[in-house]
N, C-alpha and C. Protein backbone atom coordinates (compact mmCIF):
# COMPACT_ATOMS: atom_id res chain seq x y z
N UNK A 1 0.85 -1.18 0.00
CA UNK A 1 0.00 0.00 0.00
C UNK A 1 0.89 1.24 0.00
N UNK A 2 0.61 2.16 -0.91
CA UNK A 2 1.47 3.35 -0.98
C UNK A 2 0.99 4.39 0.02
N UNK A 3 1.93 5.08 0.58
CA UNK A 3 1.64 6.11 1.58
C UNK A 3 1.18 7.37 0.88
N UNK A 4 0.25 8.09 1.47
CA UNK A 4 -0.17 9.38 0.95
C UNK A 4 0.95 10.40 1.09
N UNK A 5 1.85 10.17 2.02
CA UNK A 5 2.91 11.12 2.34
C UNK A 5 4.23 10.71 1.71
N UNK A 6 4.64 11.35 0.61
CA UNK A 6 5.92 10.99 -0.01
C UNK A 6 7.11 11.43 0.84
N UNK A 7 6.87 12.20 1.89
CA UNK A 7 7.95 12.71 2.71
C UNK A 7 8.07 11.96 4.03
N UNK A 8 7.36 10.83 4.17
CA UNK A 8 7.42 10.04 5.40
C UNK A 8 8.81 9.50 5.67
N UNK A 9 9.47 9.02 4.67
CA UNK A 9 10.75 8.36 4.85
C UNK A 9 11.88 9.16 4.24
N UNK A 10 11.92 10.44 4.52
CA UNK A 10 12.96 11.29 3.98
C UNK A 10 14.31 10.91 4.54
N UNK A 11 15.27 10.80 3.63
CA UNK A 11 16.63 10.60 4.12
C UNK A 11 17.14 11.96 4.57
N UNK A 12 18.09 11.94 5.45
CA UNK A 12 18.68 13.20 5.91
C UNK A 12 19.41 13.84 4.75
N UNK A 13 19.09 15.07 4.44
CA UNK A 13 19.82 15.81 3.42
C UNK A 13 21.04 16.44 4.08
N UNK A 14 22.14 16.35 3.42
CA UNK A 14 23.36 16.95 3.92
C UNK A 14 23.80 18.02 2.94
N UNK A 15 24.22 19.15 3.47
CA UNK A 15 24.73 20.20 2.61
C UNK A 15 26.00 19.70 1.94
N UNK A 16 26.18 20.06 0.68
CA UNK A 16 27.38 19.64 -0.03
C UNK A 16 28.59 20.33 0.59
N UNK A 17 29.77 19.71 0.50
CA UNK A 17 30.94 20.24 1.20
C UNK A 17 31.27 21.69 0.88
N UNK A 18 31.02 22.15 -0.35
CA UNK A 18 31.38 23.51 -0.70
C UNK A 18 30.37 24.55 -0.21
N UNK A 19 29.26 24.08 0.35
CA UNK A 19 28.20 24.99 0.79
C UNK A 19 28.51 25.53 2.18
N UNK A 20 28.70 26.84 2.28
CA UNK A 20 28.93 27.40 3.60
C UNK A 20 27.66 27.41 4.44
N UNK A 21 26.51 27.22 3.81
CA UNK A 21 25.22 27.23 4.51
C UNK A 21 25.18 28.42 5.46
N UNK A 22 25.59 29.54 4.93
CA UNK A 22 25.76 30.74 5.73
C UNK A 22 24.46 31.43 6.08
N UNK A 23 24.59 32.57 6.75
CA UNK A 23 23.41 33.30 7.22
C UNK A 23 22.49 33.74 6.09
N UNK A 24 23.03 34.11 4.94
CA UNK A 24 22.14 34.56 3.86
C UNK A 24 21.33 33.39 3.33
N UNK A 25 21.93 32.19 3.22
CA UNK A 25 21.16 31.02 2.79
C UNK A 25 20.04 30.73 3.78
N UNK A 26 20.33 30.81 5.06
CA UNK A 26 19.29 30.56 6.07
C UNK A 26 18.20 31.63 6.02
N UNK A 27 18.62 32.88 5.83
CA UNK A 27 17.64 33.97 5.79
C UNK A 27 16.68 33.81 4.61
N UNK A 28 17.23 33.51 3.43
CA UNK A 28 16.36 33.36 2.26
C UNK A 28 15.54 32.08 2.32
N UNK A 29 16.11 31.02 2.90
CA UNK A 29 15.32 29.79 3.05
C UNK A 29 14.18 30.03 4.03
N UNK A 30 14.40 30.87 5.03
CA UNK A 30 13.31 31.20 5.96
C UNK A 30 12.16 31.88 5.21
N UNK A 31 12.49 32.71 4.22
CA UNK A 31 11.43 33.33 3.39
C UNK A 31 10.70 32.26 2.58
N UNK A 32 11.45 31.29 2.05
CA UNK A 32 10.81 30.20 1.30
C UNK A 32 9.89 29.40 2.22
N UNK A 33 10.31 29.20 3.46
CA UNK A 33 9.45 28.51 4.43
C UNK A 33 8.18 29.31 4.73
N UNK A 34 8.28 30.63 4.78
CA UNK A 34 7.07 31.46 4.94
C UNK A 34 6.10 31.19 3.80
N UNK A 35 6.63 31.12 2.59
CA UNK A 35 5.79 30.82 1.42
C UNK A 35 5.17 29.43 1.55
N UNK A 36 5.95 28.47 2.01
CA UNK A 36 5.43 27.10 2.17
C UNK A 36 4.28 27.09 3.18
N UNK A 37 4.41 27.87 4.25
CA UNK A 37 3.32 27.95 5.23
C UNK A 37 2.07 28.57 4.61
N UNK A 38 2.26 29.54 3.74
CA UNK A 38 1.10 30.12 3.03
C UNK A 38 0.40 29.05 2.19
N UNK A 39 1.19 28.22 1.54
CA UNK A 39 0.61 27.13 0.75
C UNK A 39 -0.21 26.21 1.64
N UNK A 40 0.34 25.84 2.78
CA UNK A 40 -0.37 24.93 3.70
C UNK A 40 -1.70 25.53 4.14
N UNK A 41 -1.70 26.83 4.41
CA UNK A 41 -2.95 27.49 4.83
C UNK A 41 -4.00 27.46 3.71
N UNK A 42 -3.56 27.31 2.47
CA UNK A 42 -4.49 27.22 1.33
C UNK A 42 -4.79 25.78 0.96
N UNK A 43 -4.36 24.85 1.80
CA UNK A 43 -4.51 23.42 1.55
C UNK A 43 -3.74 22.96 0.31
N UNK A 44 -2.63 23.62 0.06
CA UNK A 44 -1.70 23.23 -1.01
C UNK A 44 -0.54 22.50 -0.37
N UNK A 45 0.12 21.63 -1.13
CA UNK A 45 1.34 20.99 -0.63
C UNK A 45 2.30 22.11 -0.26
N UNK A 46 2.80 22.12 0.98
CA UNK A 46 3.56 23.26 1.48
C UNK A 46 5.00 23.33 0.95
N UNK A 47 5.10 23.91 -0.22
CA UNK A 47 6.41 24.16 -0.84
C UNK A 47 6.46 25.63 -1.20
N UNK A 48 7.58 26.26 -0.86
CA UNK A 48 7.77 27.67 -1.16
C UNK A 48 9.09 27.88 -1.87
N UNK A 49 9.18 28.96 -2.66
CA UNK A 49 10.40 29.26 -3.40
C UNK A 49 10.63 30.77 -3.44
N UNK A 50 11.90 31.15 -3.44
CA UNK A 50 12.34 32.54 -3.49
C UNK A 50 13.43 32.64 -4.55
N UNK A 51 13.40 33.69 -5.36
CA UNK A 51 14.48 33.96 -6.33
C UNK A 51 15.19 35.23 -5.88
N UNK A 52 16.51 35.13 -5.71
CA UNK A 52 17.31 36.24 -5.22
C UNK A 52 18.46 36.49 -6.18
N UNK A 53 18.72 37.75 -6.47
CA UNK A 53 19.89 38.12 -7.27
C UNK A 53 20.49 39.39 -6.68
N UNK A 54 21.76 39.33 -6.37
CA UNK A 54 22.49 40.46 -5.79
C UNK A 54 21.77 41.03 -4.56
N UNK A 55 21.26 40.14 -3.74
CA UNK A 55 20.62 40.54 -2.49
C UNK A 55 19.20 41.05 -2.63
N UNK A 56 18.64 41.02 -3.82
CA UNK A 56 17.27 41.50 -4.06
C UNK A 56 16.36 40.30 -4.33
N UNK A 57 15.25 40.22 -3.60
CA UNK A 57 14.26 39.17 -3.86
C UNK A 57 13.47 39.59 -5.09
N UNK A 58 13.64 38.81 -6.17
CA UNK A 58 12.98 39.11 -7.44
C UNK A 58 11.65 38.38 -7.59
N UNK A 59 11.51 37.26 -6.90
CA UNK A 59 10.29 36.48 -7.01
C UNK A 59 10.11 35.64 -5.77
N UNK A 60 8.86 35.45 -5.39
CA UNK A 60 8.54 34.57 -4.26
C UNK A 60 7.17 33.98 -4.53
N UNK A 61 7.03 32.70 -4.22
CA UNK A 61 5.75 32.02 -4.50
C UNK A 61 5.66 30.74 -3.69
N UNK A 62 4.46 30.20 -3.68
CA UNK A 62 4.21 28.89 -3.08
C UNK A 62 3.35 28.09 -4.05
N UNK A 63 3.27 26.80 -3.80
CA UNK A 63 2.48 25.94 -4.67
C UNK A 63 1.04 26.45 -4.77
N UNK A 64 0.52 26.42 -5.98
CA UNK A 64 -0.88 26.80 -6.23
C UNK A 64 -1.54 25.82 -7.20
N UNK A 65 -1.07 24.59 -7.23
CA UNK A 65 -1.59 23.63 -8.21
C UNK A 65 -3.07 23.34 -8.00
N UNK A 66 -3.49 23.20 -6.77
CA UNK A 66 -4.91 22.92 -6.50
C UNK A 66 -5.75 24.17 -6.70
N UNK A 67 -5.28 25.28 -6.19
CA UNK A 67 -6.02 26.54 -6.30
C UNK A 67 -6.27 26.91 -7.76
N UNK A 68 -5.27 26.74 -8.60
CA UNK A 68 -5.39 27.12 -10.02
C UNK A 68 -5.77 25.95 -10.92
N UNK A 69 -5.96 24.76 -10.33
CA UNK A 69 -6.23 23.55 -11.11
C UNK A 69 -5.22 23.46 -12.26
N UNK A 70 -3.94 23.64 -11.90
CA UNK A 70 -2.86 23.70 -12.88
C UNK A 70 -1.66 22.90 -12.36
N UNK A 71 -1.38 21.76 -12.98
CA UNK A 71 -0.27 20.93 -12.50
C UNK A 71 1.10 21.58 -12.65
N UNK A 72 1.19 22.68 -13.37
CA UNK A 72 2.48 23.37 -13.52
C UNK A 72 2.66 24.52 -12.53
N UNK A 73 1.68 24.76 -11.68
CA UNK A 73 1.76 25.90 -10.75
C UNK A 73 2.57 25.56 -9.50
N UNK A 74 3.78 25.07 -9.74
CA UNK A 74 4.70 24.77 -8.64
C UNK A 74 5.35 26.06 -8.17
N UNK A 75 5.75 26.09 -6.90
CA UNK A 75 6.36 27.27 -6.31
C UNK A 75 7.54 27.78 -7.13
N UNK A 76 8.42 26.88 -7.56
CA UNK A 76 9.60 27.29 -8.32
C UNK A 76 9.21 27.92 -9.66
N UNK A 77 8.26 27.32 -10.34
CA UNK A 77 7.82 27.84 -11.64
C UNK A 77 7.24 29.24 -11.48
N UNK A 78 6.40 29.42 -10.49
CA UNK A 78 5.76 30.71 -10.26
C UNK A 78 6.78 31.77 -9.85
N UNK A 79 7.73 31.39 -8.99
CA UNK A 79 8.74 32.36 -8.53
C UNK A 79 9.68 32.77 -9.66
N UNK A 80 10.11 31.82 -10.50
CA UNK A 80 11.01 32.21 -11.59
C UNK A 80 10.27 33.01 -12.65
N UNK A 81 9.01 32.71 -12.87
CA UNK A 81 8.21 33.51 -13.82
C UNK A 81 8.07 34.94 -13.31
N UNK A 82 7.78 35.07 -12.03
CA UNK A 82 7.65 36.40 -11.43
C UNK A 82 8.97 37.17 -11.54
N UNK A 83 10.08 36.51 -11.26
CA UNK A 83 11.39 37.16 -11.33
C UNK A 83 11.71 37.59 -12.76
N UNK A 84 11.44 36.73 -13.72
CA UNK A 84 11.71 37.06 -15.13
C UNK A 84 10.85 38.24 -15.58
N UNK A 85 9.58 38.25 -15.19
CA UNK A 85 8.71 39.38 -15.55
C UNK A 85 9.22 40.67 -14.91
N UNK A 86 9.68 40.56 -13.67
CA UNK A 86 10.19 41.75 -12.98
C UNK A 86 11.42 42.31 -13.69
N UNK A 87 12.29 41.42 -14.17
CA UNK A 87 13.49 41.86 -14.89
C UNK A 87 13.20 42.22 -16.35
N UNK A 88 12.10 41.70 -16.87
CA UNK A 88 11.78 41.92 -18.29
C UNK A 88 12.66 41.08 -19.20
N UNK A 89 13.18 39.98 -18.68
CA UNK A 89 14.08 39.13 -19.44
C UNK A 89 13.95 37.71 -18.94
N UNK A 90 14.01 36.73 -19.84
CA UNK A 90 13.79 35.34 -19.45
C UNK A 90 14.97 34.69 -18.73
N UNK A 91 16.13 35.28 -18.80
CA UNK A 91 17.32 34.71 -18.16
C UNK A 91 17.51 35.33 -16.78
N UNK A 92 17.81 34.47 -15.82
CA UNK A 92 18.03 34.91 -14.44
C UNK A 92 19.49 34.65 -14.07
N UNK A 93 20.38 35.11 -14.91
CA UNK A 93 21.82 34.91 -14.74
C UNK A 93 22.27 35.50 -13.41
N UNK A 94 22.98 34.70 -12.63
CA UNK A 94 23.48 35.15 -11.33
C UNK A 94 22.51 34.94 -10.18
N UNK A 95 21.30 34.49 -10.48
CA UNK A 95 20.28 34.33 -9.44
C UNK A 95 20.45 33.02 -8.68
N UNK A 96 20.00 33.04 -7.43
CA UNK A 96 19.91 31.84 -6.61
C UNK A 96 18.44 31.62 -6.30
N UNK A 97 18.00 30.37 -6.43
CA UNK A 97 16.64 29.99 -6.10
C UNK A 97 16.69 29.16 -4.82
N UNK A 98 15.89 29.57 -3.84
CA UNK A 98 15.75 28.85 -2.58
C UNK A 98 14.38 28.18 -2.60
N UNK A 99 14.36 26.88 -2.39
CA UNK A 99 13.11 26.16 -2.38
C UNK A 99 13.12 25.13 -1.26
N UNK A 100 11.97 24.92 -0.66
CA UNK A 100 11.90 24.08 0.52
C UNK A 100 12.04 22.60 0.20
N UNK A 101 11.84 22.23 -1.06
CA UNK A 101 11.94 20.83 -1.49
C UNK A 101 12.72 20.78 -2.80
N UNK A 102 13.49 19.72 -2.95
CA UNK A 102 14.23 19.49 -4.20
C UNK A 102 13.28 19.66 -5.40
N UNK A 103 13.66 20.46 -6.39
CA UNK A 103 12.80 20.65 -7.56
C UNK A 103 12.55 19.35 -8.35
N UNK A 104 11.35 19.26 -8.89
CA UNK A 104 10.99 18.13 -9.75
C UNK A 104 11.67 18.32 -11.12
N UNK A 105 11.47 17.38 -12.01
CA UNK A 105 12.08 17.46 -13.35
C UNK A 105 11.61 18.71 -14.10
N UNK A 106 10.32 19.02 -14.02
CA UNK A 106 9.79 20.19 -14.72
C UNK A 106 10.45 21.47 -14.21
N UNK A 107 10.47 21.63 -12.90
CA UNK A 107 11.05 22.84 -12.31
C UNK A 107 12.55 22.91 -12.55
N UNK A 108 13.23 21.77 -12.44
CA UNK A 108 14.68 21.75 -12.69
C UNK A 108 14.97 22.16 -14.13
N UNK A 109 14.17 21.69 -15.07
CA UNK A 109 14.35 22.08 -16.47
C UNK A 109 14.16 23.57 -16.66
N UNK A 110 13.16 24.13 -16.00
CA UNK A 110 12.92 25.58 -16.09
C UNK A 110 14.08 26.36 -15.49
N UNK A 111 14.66 25.84 -14.40
CA UNK A 111 15.80 26.51 -13.77
C UNK A 111 17.00 26.53 -14.70
N UNK A 112 17.21 25.44 -15.42
CA UNK A 112 18.31 25.39 -16.40
C UNK A 112 18.02 26.38 -17.53
N UNK A 113 16.80 26.36 -18.06
CA UNK A 113 16.43 27.29 -19.14
C UNK A 113 16.59 28.74 -18.71
N UNK A 114 16.29 29.04 -17.46
CA UNK A 114 16.40 30.41 -16.96
C UNK A 114 17.85 30.80 -16.67
N UNK A 115 18.74 29.80 -16.71
CA UNK A 115 20.18 30.04 -16.50
C UNK A 115 20.50 30.55 -15.09
N UNK A 116 19.73 30.06 -14.09
CA UNK A 116 20.06 30.45 -12.72
C UNK A 116 21.45 29.93 -12.38
N UNK A 117 22.08 30.61 -11.47
CA UNK A 117 23.44 30.21 -11.07
C UNK A 117 23.41 29.07 -10.05
N UNK A 118 22.45 29.13 -9.14
CA UNK A 118 22.49 28.25 -7.97
C UNK A 118 21.09 27.95 -7.48
N UNK A 119 20.90 26.74 -6.96
CA UNK A 119 19.65 26.33 -6.33
C UNK A 119 19.99 25.75 -4.97
N UNK A 120 19.24 26.18 -3.95
CA UNK A 120 19.40 25.69 -2.58
C UNK A 120 18.06 25.13 -2.15
N UNK A 121 18.06 23.87 -1.69
CA UNK A 121 16.80 23.31 -1.18
C UNK A 121 17.02 22.71 0.20
N UNK A 122 15.90 22.60 0.91
CA UNK A 122 15.95 22.10 2.29
C UNK A 122 16.00 20.58 2.32
N UNK A 123 15.02 19.91 1.70
CA UNK A 123 14.93 18.44 1.75
C UNK A 123 14.80 17.87 0.34
N UNK A 124 15.27 16.65 0.21
CA UNK A 124 15.11 15.93 -1.05
C UNK A 124 13.67 15.45 -1.21
N UNK A 125 13.30 15.23 -2.47
CA UNK A 125 12.00 14.67 -2.79
C UNK A 125 12.25 13.29 -3.41
N UNK A 126 12.13 12.23 -2.60
CA UNK A 126 12.48 10.89 -3.08
C UNK A 126 11.55 10.35 -4.16
N UNK A 127 10.38 10.94 -4.33
CA UNK A 127 9.43 10.44 -5.33
C UNK A 127 9.44 11.22 -6.63
N UNK A 128 9.84 12.52 -6.59
CA UNK A 128 9.78 13.35 -7.79
C UNK A 128 11.02 14.19 -8.04
N UNK A 129 11.99 14.16 -7.15
CA UNK A 129 13.14 15.04 -7.26
C UNK A 129 13.96 14.82 -8.53
N UNK A 130 14.13 15.88 -9.29
CA UNK A 130 14.83 15.79 -10.57
C UNK A 130 16.26 16.31 -10.53
N UNK A 131 16.77 16.64 -9.35
CA UNK A 131 18.11 17.24 -9.25
C UNK A 131 19.13 16.30 -8.63
N UNK A 132 18.69 15.45 -7.71
CA UNK A 132 19.60 14.53 -7.02
C UNK A 132 18.94 13.18 -6.75
N UNK A 133 17.65 13.18 -6.40
CA UNK A 133 16.99 11.94 -6.00
C UNK A 133 16.74 10.99 -7.16
N UNK A 134 16.11 11.47 -8.21
CA UNK A 134 15.77 10.60 -9.36
C UNK A 134 16.49 10.99 -10.65
N UNK A 135 17.11 12.13 -10.65
CA UNK A 135 17.80 12.59 -11.86
C UNK A 135 18.80 13.67 -11.51
N UNK A 136 19.51 14.12 -12.52
CA UNK A 136 20.52 15.16 -12.34
C UNK A 136 20.34 16.25 -13.40
N UNK A 137 19.13 16.77 -13.51
CA UNK A 137 18.83 17.75 -14.54
C UNK A 137 19.73 18.99 -14.42
N UNK A 138 20.00 19.45 -13.22
CA UNK A 138 20.78 20.68 -13.04
C UNK A 138 22.24 20.53 -13.46
N UNK A 139 22.75 19.31 -13.40
CA UNK A 139 24.18 19.10 -13.65
C UNK A 139 24.44 18.07 -14.75
N UNK A 140 23.45 17.80 -15.57
CA UNK A 140 23.62 16.79 -16.62
C UNK A 140 24.77 17.20 -17.53
N UNK A 141 25.72 16.31 -17.79
CA UNK A 141 26.90 16.68 -18.57
C UNK A 141 26.61 17.11 -20.01
N UNK A 142 25.49 16.71 -20.57
CA UNK A 142 25.16 17.08 -21.95
C UNK A 142 24.40 18.41 -22.04
N UNK A 143 24.01 18.95 -20.90
CA UNK A 143 23.27 20.22 -20.90
C UNK A 143 24.18 21.38 -21.26
N UNK A 144 23.59 22.41 -21.85
CA UNK A 144 24.38 23.60 -22.21
C UNK A 144 24.54 24.57 -21.04
N UNK A 145 23.96 24.26 -19.89
CA UNK A 145 24.11 25.09 -18.70
C UNK A 145 24.10 24.19 -17.48
N UNK A 146 25.00 24.41 -16.58
CA UNK A 146 25.08 23.66 -15.31
C UNK A 146 24.68 24.59 -14.19
N UNK A 147 23.90 24.06 -13.25
CA UNK A 147 23.45 24.85 -12.10
C UNK A 147 24.06 24.26 -10.84
N UNK A 148 24.72 25.09 -10.08
CA UNK A 148 25.28 24.68 -8.79
C UNK A 148 24.11 24.44 -7.84
N UNK A 149 24.21 23.42 -6.99
CA UNK A 149 23.14 23.19 -6.02
C UNK A 149 23.70 22.79 -4.66
N UNK A 150 22.90 23.10 -3.65
CA UNK A 150 23.22 22.77 -2.27
C UNK A 150 21.93 22.34 -1.59
N UNK A 151 22.05 21.48 -0.62
CA UNK A 151 20.87 20.98 0.08
C UNK A 151 21.08 20.99 1.58
N UNK A 152 19.97 20.93 2.30
CA UNK A 152 20.02 20.78 3.75
C UNK A 152 19.79 22.05 4.55
N UNK A 153 19.69 23.19 3.90
CA UNK A 153 19.47 24.45 4.63
C UNK A 153 18.06 24.46 5.23
N UNK A 154 17.98 24.59 6.53
CA UNK A 154 16.71 24.58 7.29
C UNK A 154 15.88 23.33 6.96
N UNK A 155 16.56 22.20 6.85
CA UNK A 155 15.88 20.95 6.50
C UNK A 155 14.84 20.54 7.54
N UNK A 156 15.16 20.69 8.80
CA UNK A 156 14.24 20.20 9.84
C UNK A 156 12.88 20.90 9.81
N UNK A 157 12.82 22.25 9.78
CA UNK A 157 11.48 22.86 9.73
C UNK A 157 10.74 22.57 8.43
N UNK A 158 11.47 22.44 7.33
CA UNK A 158 10.81 22.11 6.06
C UNK A 158 10.22 20.71 6.12
N UNK A 159 10.99 19.77 6.63
CA UNK A 159 10.53 18.38 6.76
C UNK A 159 9.33 18.32 7.70
N UNK A 160 9.41 19.01 8.83
CA UNK A 160 8.30 19.01 9.80
C UNK A 160 7.02 19.54 9.17
N UNK A 161 7.12 20.61 8.42
CA UNK A 161 5.94 21.19 7.77
C UNK A 161 5.32 20.21 6.78
N UNK A 162 6.14 19.58 5.97
CA UNK A 162 5.62 18.61 4.99
C UNK A 162 4.98 17.41 5.69
N UNK A 163 5.67 16.86 6.68
CA UNK A 163 5.14 15.69 7.36
C UNK A 163 3.84 16.01 8.10
N UNK A 164 3.77 17.18 8.70
CA UNK A 164 2.55 17.59 9.39
C UNK A 164 1.39 17.72 8.40
N UNK A 165 1.66 18.32 7.26
CA UNK A 165 0.64 18.49 6.23
C UNK A 165 0.08 17.13 5.79
N UNK A 166 0.98 16.19 5.48
CA UNK A 166 0.51 14.90 4.99
C UNK A 166 -0.12 14.06 6.09
N UNK A 167 0.34 14.21 7.33
CA UNK A 167 -0.33 13.52 8.44
C UNK A 167 -1.78 13.99 8.55
N UNK A 168 -1.99 15.30 8.40
CA UNK A 168 -3.36 15.83 8.50
C UNK A 168 -4.22 15.31 7.36
N UNK A 169 -3.63 15.06 6.22
CA UNK A 169 -4.40 14.52 5.10
C UNK A 169 -4.82 13.09 5.37
N UNK A 170 -3.95 12.32 5.99
CA UNK A 170 -4.28 10.93 6.31
C UNK A 170 -5.35 10.84 7.39
N UNK A 171 -5.45 11.85 8.24
CA UNK A 171 -6.41 11.83 9.35
C UNK A 171 -7.84 12.07 8.88
N UNK A 172 -8.01 12.66 7.71
CA UNK A 172 -9.33 12.98 7.19
C UNK A 172 -9.77 11.87 6.25
N UNK A 173 -10.95 11.25 6.53
CA UNK A 173 -11.44 10.20 5.63
C UNK A 173 -11.68 10.76 4.23
N UNK A 174 -11.27 10.00 3.24
CA UNK A 174 -11.44 10.44 1.85
C UNK A 174 -12.75 9.92 1.30
N UNK A 175 -13.47 10.78 0.63
CA UNK A 175 -14.73 10.40 0.02
C UNK A 175 -14.46 10.12 -1.45
N UNK A 176 -14.94 8.99 -1.93
CA UNK A 176 -14.76 8.64 -3.34
C UNK A 176 -16.10 8.71 -4.05
N UNK A 177 -16.07 8.80 -5.36
CA UNK A 177 -17.30 8.83 -6.14
C UNK A 177 -18.13 7.59 -5.83
N UNK A 178 -19.38 7.76 -5.69
CA UNK A 178 -20.27 6.65 -5.38
C UNK A 178 -20.57 6.52 -3.90
N UNK A 179 -19.76 7.14 -3.05
CA UNK A 179 -20.04 7.15 -1.61
C UNK A 179 -21.17 8.14 -1.34
N UNK A 180 -22.12 7.73 -0.55
CA UNK A 180 -23.22 8.65 -0.24
C UNK A 180 -23.57 8.61 1.21
């Protein structure tokens, strides 16, 4: 039987050795966590993302897939779109994206297309992660752009938020078609 919670058995994410996991990474990840909490309040999977370039937050968003009935309305997609519109240019050269969960294949592809410099995430996504868990989209050797990545920044609060969200989903009986 598959679990409703893909984050139940998260492995511990460790920051890569070159990652200083410094105060600015923690500060921006805290903003991404604020976005994730906004998602949870809207009954969305609690994932948040922030786009930063030269100390300026260019985009911030949380998952809105249910709200918009749009499977592409992931936090990362919305935040990079907002940042690109703000700059008036599709490339986010020099930008760092902070996201509470490892980006999926779709989001990782968009990050490569946007030419971001760096991606920092809190926890891996063992079921959909396209950067380290199930694929290496950001660093694929055949890609025309490589994205530096780091993991583990504020992993514990991000993991707690996800696990709490999915626990609450399991506690509510699900109604299926035909039930009356």
